[in-house]
């Protein structure tokens, strides 16, 4: 089967690496791809926002499955356009992708389906936001931009000034919309579930590090590293989250005529009252996808096609008992304006150690590989537990040099501390 993979980041490199291992794959295409993806796929310069151009490419190259990696094309309705042409797609419709495209849509769905989540107020103007801050929630308080924000549209404000600053940024232009939420205490964890709109298949857990600085301080980023599994989400808590959060979401969307097909990524807070939903993503996380693919031992193409064709019931997902951990190297200045163009060396040496280096913001400058984005690459390794995976990832990273790049040196610190407490 010929497959078209949409996207160009580290998540898509991990998906390409795993899809390329499928015995059912003939040719893998990637649009637009990146230099790392090019080792597994034929990269094509295709304007993904031009749905007619994507459909024409699919027809010309006999594509049997389109895998949409990032969220923007899903929210833009690419899956709908392809399905209208009877092309199997791994990824939800525009209506279902509102779970990620609109924080307010998700919060309202939670209210309708009695899904445990933080209390909230939706606001569409600055005056209403001020009233909500004055009358509804104390501090700390969570302020979220309602639309897509590449994982960086959330502010946990510990002072009124921080809350006001976040809201000013959202409403600086007309048409702004925000969700103001109560602050939930606990530990965050990510739960992934494949669904074809009816059946659901748990697909691993992970914890990521959003903050740019060591010790989880500083501004939010798209993710500076992650590890899987997340033992803090015990089997009992996972079952509770599936029963009270994920299953009602899938059922409600189906009943309302907008079934979700693809991977549902539930960001959870483990509170004293049990798991509560923080937010949904309508695609694999980045860099969580890298650690999930490192552990997944099955046929990814087979499962994705089962999802796309509505026959997921009865399928299973095989994951290694080993842990996996990934460390993101970002460009100096990230998550602000990153410095780009720095030379990248040592990837081959790192991979000879058994790690995988998934590329994201890279490009070729002649024969040289150079940085071309905020998050540049993710060095990913396995181990018998999180501490071993951490040691292996950082040992591999020692071989890699990214000019004008930086990385956190404490990825996985919480779980390592739990596994090997100080004496």
Protein backbone atom coordinates (compact mmCIF):
# COMPACT_ATOMS: atom_id res chain seq x y z
CA UNK A 1 0.00 0.00 0.00
CA UNK A 2 1.14 3.54 -0.77
CA UNK A 3 0.82 5.97 2.16
CA UNK A 4 0.96 9.76 2.32
CA UNK A 5 2.15 11.23 5.63
CA UNK A 6 1.34 14.89 6.24
CA UNK A 7 3.78 16.89 8.37
CA UNK A 8 7.41 17.85 8.90
CA UNK A 9 8.22 17.59 12.60
CA UNK A 10 9.73 15.14 15.05
CA UNK A 11 6.35 13.49 15.50
CA UNK A 12 6.14 12.80 11.77
CA UNK A 13 9.72 11.50 11.67
CA UNK A 14 8.80 8.99 14.40
CA UNK A 15 5.64 7.98 12.50
CA UNK A 16 7.60 7.62 9.25
CA UNK A 17 10.22 5.46 10.97
CA UNK A 18 7.55 3.14 12.34
CA UNK A 19 5.38 3.08 9.20
CA UNK A 20 8.44 2.16 7.13
CA UNK A 21 8.73 -1.05 9.18
CA UNK A 22 5.28 -2.27 8.11
CA UNK A 23 5.27 -5.31 5.80
CA UNK A 24 2.15 -3.89 4.11
CA UNK A 25 3.88 -0.68 2.99
CA UNK A 26 4.89 -0.19 -0.63
CA UNK A 27 5.83 3.49 -0.94
CA UNK A 28 5.74 6.10 1.81
CA UNK A 29 5.40 9.71 0.74
CA UNK A 30 5.74 12.70 3.09
CA UNK A 31 4.51 16.24 2.56
CA UNK A 32 6.61 18.20 3.13
CA UNK A 33 8.78 15.96 5.31
CA UNK A 34 12.26 16.86 6.53
CA UNK A 35 15.81 15.52 6.06
CA UNK A 36 15.26 12.83 8.71
CA UNK A 37 11.96 11.72 7.24
CA UNK A 38 13.66 11.48 3.84
CA UNK A 39 15.52 8.40 5.10
CA UNK A 40 12.18 6.55 5.22
CA UNK A 41 9.95 8.34 2.72
CA UNK A 42 9.94 10.25 -0.54
CA UNK A 43 9.42 13.88 0.41
CA UNK A 44 7.22 16.01 -1.82
CA UNK A 45 6.65 19.76 -1.91
CA UNK A 46 2.89 19.75 -1.58
CA UNK A 47 0.78 22.66 -0.32
CA UNK A 48 -1.26 20.88 2.34
CA UNK A 49 -3.71 23.78 2.66
CA UNK A 50 -4.64 23.23 -1.01
CA UNK A 51 -7.00 20.30 -0.59
CA UNK A 52 -7.50 19.88 -4.33
CA UNK A 53 -3.75 19.55 -4.80
CA UNK A 54 -3.55 16.91 -2.07
CA UNK A 55 -6.44 14.96 -3.63
CA UNK A 56 -4.81 15.14 -7.06
CA UNK A 57 -1.54 13.80 -5.61
CA UNK A 58 -3.40 10.97 -3.88
CA UNK A 59 -5.09 9.98 -7.12
CA UNK A 60 -1.92 10.20 -9.19
CA UNK A 61 0.13 8.07 -6.81
CA UNK A 62 -2.46 5.48 -5.81
CA UNK A 63 -2.41 6.44 -2.12
CA UNK A 64 -4.35 3.96 0.02
CA UNK A 65 -4.07 5.83 3.34
CA UNK A 66 -3.36 9.43 4.33
CA UNK A 67 -1.93 9.97 7.82
CA UNK A 68 -2.35 13.54 9.06
CA UNK A 69 0.31 14.28 11.67
CA UNK A 70 -0.18 17.89 12.84
CA UNK A 71 -3.31 19.56 14.15
CA UNK A 72 -3.65 22.50 11.76
CA UNK A 73 -4.65 20.47 8.66
CA UNK A 74 -7.19 18.56 10.79
CA UNK A 75 -8.79 21.75 12.10
CA UNK A 76 -8.72 23.01 8.50
CA UNK A 77 -10.83 20.03 7.37
CA UNK A 78 -8.31 18.13 5.23
CA UNK A 79 -9.66 14.79 6.45
CA UNK A 80 -13.17 15.78 5.36
CA UNK A 81 -12.02 16.69 1.86
CA UNK A 82 -10.20 13.37 1.48
CA UNK A 83 -13.06 11.29 2.85
CA UNK A 84 -15.43 13.00 0.43
CA UNK A 85 -13.26 11.40 -2.29
CA UNK A 86 -13.39 7.99 -0.55
CA UNK A 87 -9.75 8.20 0.56
CA UNK A 88 -9.06 6.47 3.91
CA UNK A 89 -7.65 8.96 6.43
CA UNK A 90 -6.07 8.57 9.86
CA UNK A 91 -7.25 11.72 11.59
CA UNK A 92 -10.54 13.28 12.68
CA UNK A 93 -12.98 15.46 10.80
CA UNK A 94 -12.96 19.23 11.15
CA UNK A 95 -15.97 19.03 13.48
CA UNK A 96 -14.38 16.42 15.74
CA UNK A 97 -10.99 18.18 15.67
CA UNK A 98 -12.63 21.06 17.53
CA UNK A 99 -11.62 19.06 20.60
CA UNK A 100 -8.22 20.61 19.99
CA UNK A 101 -9.18 23.59 17.86
CA UNK A 102 -11.40 25.13 20.52
CA UNK A 103 -10.80 24.87 24.25
CA UNK A 104 -14.31 26.19 24.77
CA UNK A 105 -15.85 23.47 22.60
CA UNK A 106 -14.15 20.81 24.73
CA UNK A 107 -15.17 22.39 28.02
CA UNK A 108 -18.79 22.63 26.87
CA UNK A 109 -18.71 18.98 25.78
CA UNK A 110 -17.40 18.02 29.21
CA UNK A 111 -20.30 19.88 30.82
CA UNK A 112 -22.85 18.10 28.59
CA UNK A 113 -21.32 14.64 29.17
CA UNK A 114 -20.54 15.11 32.88
CA UNK A 115 -16.82 14.57 32.27
CA UNK A 116 -14.60 15.55 35.23
CA UNK A 117 -12.61 18.69 34.42
CA UNK A 118 -11.75 22.06 35.93
CA UNK A 119 -14.46 24.67 36.44
CA UNK A 120 -14.38 27.27 33.68
CA UNK A 121 -15.79 30.40 32.09
CA UNK A 122 -15.71 31.17 28.34
CA UNK A 123 -15.10 34.83 27.50
CA UNK A 124 -15.13 36.63 24.17
CA UNK A 125 -14.19 40.15 25.27
CA UNK A 126 -11.79 41.74 27.71
CA UNK A 127 -14.52 43.16 29.92
CA UNK A 128 -16.10 39.77 30.52
CA UNK A 129 -12.66 38.37 31.28
CA UNK A 130 -12.10 41.01 33.95
CA UNK A 131 -15.45 40.20 35.56
CA UNK A 132 -14.61 36.46 35.54
CA UNK A 133 -11.28 37.11 37.24
CA UNK A 134 -12.91 39.36 39.83
CA UNK A 135 -15.85 37.14 40.71
CA UNK A 136 -15.22 33.55 39.72
CA UNK A 137 -11.75 32.22 40.49
CA UNK A 138 -9.00 32.98 42.94
CA UNK A 139 -5.28 32.59 42.34
CA UNK A 140 -3.59 30.75 40.83
CA UNK A 141 -5.82 30.71 37.75
CA UNK A 142 -5.40 29.21 34.28
CA UNK A 143 -5.86 31.34 31.16
CA UNK A 144 -6.12 29.59 27.79
CA UNK A 145 -6.36 31.01 24.28
CA UNK A 146 -9.39 29.34 22.72
CA UNK A 147 -7.79 28.41 19.38
CA UNK A 148 -4.68 26.56 18.26
CA UNK A 149 -1.50 27.77 19.91
CA UNK A 150 1.08 25.05 19.19
CA UNK A 151 1.08 23.95 22.82
CA UNK A 152 2.01 27.43 24.07
CA UNK A 153 -1.35 29.17 24.56
CA UNK A 154 -1.75 28.35 28.26
CA UNK A 155 -0.76 30.57 31.19
CA UNK A 156 -0.87 29.41 34.80
CA UNK A 157 -1.09 32.81 36.48
CA UNK A 158 -0.01 33.02 40.11
CA UNK A 159 -0.66 36.79 40.27
CA UNK A 160 -3.41 39.02 38.92
CA UNK A 161 -0.82 40.85 36.83
CA UNK A 162 0.15 37.60 35.07
CA UNK A 163 -3.51 36.80 34.37
CA UNK A 164 -4.12 40.29 33.00
CA UNK A 165 -1.03 40.08 30.81
CA UNK A 166 -2.17 36.74 29.33
CA UNK A 167 -5.65 38.08 28.63
CA UNK A 168 -4.27 41.30 27.10
CA UNK A 169 -2.25 39.17 24.66
CA UNK A 170 -5.36 37.18 23.69
CA UNK A 171 -7.60 40.21 23.21
CA UNK A 172 -5.05 42.53 21.60
CA UNK A 173 -6.83 41.94 18.30
CA UNK A 174 -10.61 41.87 17.73
CA UNK A 175 -12.18 38.42 17.73
CA UNK A 176 -10.19 37.02 20.63
CA UNK A 177 -11.66 34.25 22.76
CA UNK A 178 -10.41 32.66 25.97
CA UNK A 179 -11.22 30.06 28.58
CA UNK A 180 -10.52 30.93 32.22
CA UNK A 181 -10.25 27.86 34.45
CA UNK A 182 -9.81 26.97 38.06
CA UNK A 183 -6.33 25.73 38.90
CA UNK A 184 -6.09 21.97 39.46
CA UNK A 185 -3.47 20.54 41.80
CA UNK A 186 -1.80 17.25 41.01
CA UNK A 187 0.51 15.63 38.51
CA UNK A 188 -0.05 15.81 34.75
CA UNK A 189 -0.02 12.74 32.54
CA UNK A 190 -0.88 11.95 28.93
CA UNK A 191 -3.12 9.08 27.84
CA UNK A 192 -3.41 8.06 24.18
CA UNK A 193 -6.33 6.16 22.69
CA UNK A 194 -6.98 5.03 19.11
CA UNK A 195 -10.63 5.15 18.09
CA UNK A 196 -12.65 4.71 14.92
CA UNK A 197 -15.59 6.58 16.42
CA UNK A 198 -17.01 3.50 18.15
CA UNK A 199 -14.32 1.11 19.39
CA UNK A 200 -11.38 2.42 21.39
CA UNK A 201 -7.91 1.00 21.95
CA UNK A 202 -5.60 2.38 24.67
CA UNK A 203 -2.29 3.28 23.04
CA UNK A 204 0.18 4.11 25.78
CA UNK A 205 0.91 6.73 28.40
CA UNK A 206 3.59 9.38 28.72
CA UNK A 207 4.68 12.42 30.67
CA UNK A 208 6.26 15.40 29.00
CA UNK A 209 8.13 18.50 30.13
CA UNK A 210 6.48 21.66 28.79
CA UNK A 211 8.55 24.27 30.60
CA UNK A 212 11.71 25.46 28.93
CA UNK A 213 13.88 25.41 32.05
CA UNK A 214 15.28 22.65 34.24
CA UNK A 215 13.14 21.92 37.25
CA UNK A 216 10.10 22.68 35.09
CA UNK A 217 10.39 26.45 35.28
CA UNK A 218 10.04 29.19 32.70
CA UNK A 219 7.60 29.65 29.82
CA UNK A 220 5.67 26.84 28.20
CA UNK A 221 7.03 25.27 25.04
CA UNK A 222 5.80 22.66 22.61
CA UNK A 223 7.69 20.15 24.76
CA UNK A 224 11.33 19.78 25.83
CA UNK A 225 11.27 16.02 26.41
CA UNK A 226 9.08 13.10 27.44
CA UNK A 227 9.11 9.56 28.73
CA UNK A 228 6.85 6.52 28.46
CA UNK A 229 5.23 4.75 30.15
CA UNK A 230 3.94 6.98 32.94
CA UNK A 231 3.66 4.64 35.95
CA UNK A 232 1.99 7.39 37.97
CA UNK A 233 -1.11 6.59 35.89
CA UNK A 234 -1.67 3.22 37.50
CA UNK A 235 -3.83 0.61 35.74
CA UNK A 236 -6.66 1.51 38.11
CA UNK A 237 -6.39 5.23 37.36
CA UNK A 238 -6.09 4.55 33.63
CA UNK A 239 -9.28 2.49 33.72
CA UNK A 240 -11.01 5.29 35.63
CA UNK A 241 -9.87 7.86 33.05
CA UNK A 242 -11.03 5.67 30.17
CA UNK A 243 -14.43 5.08 31.79
CA UNK A 244 -15.17 8.62 33.00
CA UNK A 245 -13.35 10.80 30.45
CA UNK A 246 -12.40 9.14 27.16
CA UNK A 247 -15.33 6.78 26.61
CA UNK A 248 -17.99 9.45 27.32
CA UNK A 249 -16.19 11.80 24.91
CA UNK A 250 -16.18 9.26 22.09
CA UNK A 251 -19.79 8.31 22.78
CA UNK A 252 -21.04 11.92 22.97
CA UNK A 253 -19.33 12.94 19.73
CA UNK A 254 -20.81 9.92 17.95
CA UNK A 255 -24.29 10.61 19.31
CA UNK A 256 -24.06 14.23 18.19
CA UNK A 257 -23.13 13.27 14.65
CA UNK A 258 -19.42 14.14 14.77
CA UNK A 259 -17.64 10.82 15.46
CA UNK A 260 -13.94 11.06 16.24
CA UNK A 261 -11.62 8.85 14.17
CA UNK A 262 -7.88 8.87 14.82
CA UNK A 263 -5.81 9.20 17.97
CA UNK A 264 -7.31 10.97 20.95
CA UNK A 265 -4.68 12.46 23.25
CA UNK A 266 -6.06 13.20 26.71
CA UNK A 267 -4.04 15.50 28.92
CA UNK A 268 -5.00 14.56 32.46
CA UNK A 269 -4.45 15.97 35.94
CA UNK A 270 -4.27 13.36 38.68
CA UNK A 271 -6.07 15.17 41.48
CA UNK A 272 -7.04 14.01 44.95
CA UNK A 273 -10.52 13.41 43.49
CA UNK A 274 -9.21 11.25 40.63
CA UNK A 275 -8.23 11.99 37.02
CA UNK A 276 -9.63 15.17 35.49
CA UNK A 277 -9.32 16.33 31.89
CA UNK A 278 -7.03 19.29 31.27
CA UNK A 279 -7.41 19.30 27.49
CA UNK A 280 -7.61 17.12 24.41
CA UNK A 281 -5.36 17.00 21.38
CA UNK A 282 -6.61 15.48 18.13
CA UNK A 283 -3.26 13.96 17.12
CA UNK A 284 -0.17 12.38 18.61
CA UNK A 285 1.85 14.60 20.91
CA UNK A 286 5.29 15.87 20.05
CA UNK A 287 7.62 14.69 21.64
CA UNK A 288 5.33 12.03 23.18
CA UNK A 289 4.98 10.32 19.80
CA UNK A 290 8.71 9.70 19.73
CA UNK A 291 8.69 7.67 22.95
CA UNK A 292 5.46 5.86 22.05
CA UNK A 293 6.86 4.74 18.69
CA UNK A 294 10.09 3.67 20.39
CA UNK A 295 8.07 1.29 22.59
CA UNK A 296 5.39 0.19 20.11
CA UNK A 297 6.13 -3.26 18.74
CA UNK A 298 3.20 -3.78 16.40
CA UNK A 299 2.30 -2.91 12.82
CA UNK A 300 1.42 0.79 12.83
CA UNK A 301 0.09 0.82 9.28
CA UNK A 302 -2.25 -2.08 10.04
CA UNK A 303 -3.71 -0.29 13.07
CA UNK A 304 -4.03 3.09 11.35
CA UNK A 305 -5.85 1.51 8.42
CA UNK A 306 -8.18 -0.31 10.82
CA UNK A 307 -9.01 3.05 12.42
CA UNK A 308 -9.52 4.74 9.05
CA UNK A 309 -11.80 1.96 7.79
CA UNK A 310 -13.88 1.73 10.95
CA UNK A 311 -12.84 -1.80 11.96
CA UNK A 312 -10.74 -1.23 15.08
CA UNK A 313 -12.82 -3.55 17.27
CA UNK A 314 -10.81 -6.62 18.26
CA UNK A 315 -7.41 -5.09 17.51
CA UNK A 316 -4.62 -4.91 20.11
CA UNK A 317 -1.51 -2.80 20.69
CA UNK A 318 1.81 -4.40 21.68
CA UNK A 319 4.24 -2.25 23.67
CA UNK A 320 7.64 -3.12 25.08
CA UNK A 321 7.97 -3.35 28.84
CA UNK A 322 11.05 -1.14 28.50
CA UNK A 323 10.81 2.58 29.11
CA UNK A 324 11.70 5.18 26.49
CA UNK A 325 12.86 8.75 27.03
CA UNK A 326 13.47 11.58 24.59
CA UNK A 327 15.40 14.83 24.99
CA UNK A 328 14.62 17.75 22.70
CA UNK A 329 17.38 20.02 21.43
CA UNK A 330 16.03 23.50 20.68
CA UNK A 331 17.50 26.61 19.13
CA UNK A 332 18.81 29.37 21.37
CA UNK A 333 15.97 31.80 22.07
CA UNK A 334 13.20 29.19 21.95
CA UNK A 335 10.28 29.41 22.75
CA UNK A 336 10.75 32.93 21.50
CA UNK A 337 12.47 33.60 18.18
CA UNK A 338 15.07 30.83 17.85
CA UNK A 339 18.51 31.18 16.35
CA UNK A 340 18.70 29.00 13.22
CA UNK A 341 21.33 27.94 10.70
CA UNK A 342 23.58 26.18 13.21
CA UNK A 343 25.49 23.13 12.04
CA UNK A 344 24.32 19.70 13.27
CA UNK A 345 26.75 16.83 13.58
CA UNK A 346 27.01 13.46 15.36
CA UNK A 347 23.61 11.95 14.55
CA UNK A 348 25.11 8.79 13.06
CA UNK A 349 27.30 8.28 16.12
CA UNK A 350 24.33 8.73 18.44
CA UNK A 351 22.27 6.17 16.54
CA UNK A 352 25.10 3.64 16.57
CA UNK A 353 24.68 3.63 20.36
CA UNK A 354 21.15 2.28 19.92
CA UNK A 355 19.28 5.58 20.21
CA UNK A 356 17.09 7.17 17.54
CA UNK A 357 17.42 10.82 16.58
CA UNK A 358 14.13 12.17 15.29
CA UNK A 359 14.56 15.37 13.32
CA UNK A 360 12.16 18.30 13.44
CA UNK A 361 13.52 21.76 12.59
CA UNK A 362 16.32 20.77 10.23
CA UNK A 363 17.28 21.46 6.62
CA UNK A 364 20.17 20.89 4.25
CA UNK A 365 22.53 23.73 3.46
CA UNK A 366 24.46 22.11 0.66
CA UNK A 367 25.80 18.86 2.12
CA UNK A 368 25.53 20.16 5.70
CA UNK A 369 22.60 19.58 8.02
CA UNK A 370 21.60 22.77 9.85
CA UNK A 371 18.92 23.92 12.27
CA UNK A 372 15.79 25.49 10.83
CA UNK A 373 13.30 25.86 13.67
CA UNK A 374 12.64 26.16 17.37
CA UNK A 375 12.74 22.47 18.23
CA UNK A 376 15.50 20.93 16.16
CA UNK A 377 15.68 17.23 17.02
CA UNK A 378 14.82 14.70 19.72
CA UNK A 379 17.32 12.11 20.93
CA UNK A 380 15.35 9.04 22.01
CA UNK A 381 16.51 5.92 23.82
CA UNK A 382 15.13 2.89 25.66
CA UNK A 383 16.06 1.22 28.93
CA UNK A 384 14.81 -1.24 31.48
CA UNK A 385 13.32 1.64 33.46
CA UNK A 386 13.08 5.42 33.13
CA UNK A 387 16.45 5.97 34.80
CA UNK A 388 18.17 3.60 32.37
CA UNK A 389 16.40 5.19 29.39
CA UNK A 390 17.45 8.60 30.67
CA UNK A 391 21.08 7.53 30.98
CA UNK A 392 21.04 6.04 27.47
CA UNK A 393 19.42 9.11 25.93
CA UNK A 394 21.92 11.53 27.45
CA UNK A 395 24.83 9.24 26.55
CA UNK A 396 23.65 9.30 22.93
CA UNK A 397 23.10 13.05 23.07
CA UNK A 398 26.76 13.47 24.05
CA UNK A 399 27.62 12.48 20.46
CA UNK A 400 25.38 15.18 18.95
CA UNK A 401 26.44 18.76 18.49
CA UNK A 402 23.91 21.43 17.51
CA UNK A 403 25.46 24.84 17.04
CA UNK A 404 23.37 27.51 18.84
CA UNK A 405 21.25 24.79 20.45
CA UNK A 406 20.37 23.88 24.03
CA UNK A 407 18.55 21.12 25.91
CA UNK A 408 17.33 20.34 29.41
CA UNK A 409 19.48 17.96 31.44
CA UNK A 410 16.75 16.70 33.76
CA UNK A 411 14.15 15.06 31.51
CA UNK A 412 12.38 12.33 33.45
CA UNK A 413 13.46 13.62 36.85
CA UNK A 414 10.18 12.91 38.63
CA UNK A 415 9.98 9.26 37.63
CA UNK A 416 13.71 8.69 38.15
CA UNK A 417 13.32 10.01 41.69
CA UNK A 418 10.44 7.62 42.28
CA UNK A 419 12.36 4.66 40.87
CA UNK A 420 15.60 5.36 42.65
CA UNK A 421 14.94 7.54 45.69
CA UNK A 422 17.88 9.19 47.38
CA UNK A 423 19.19 7.26 50.37
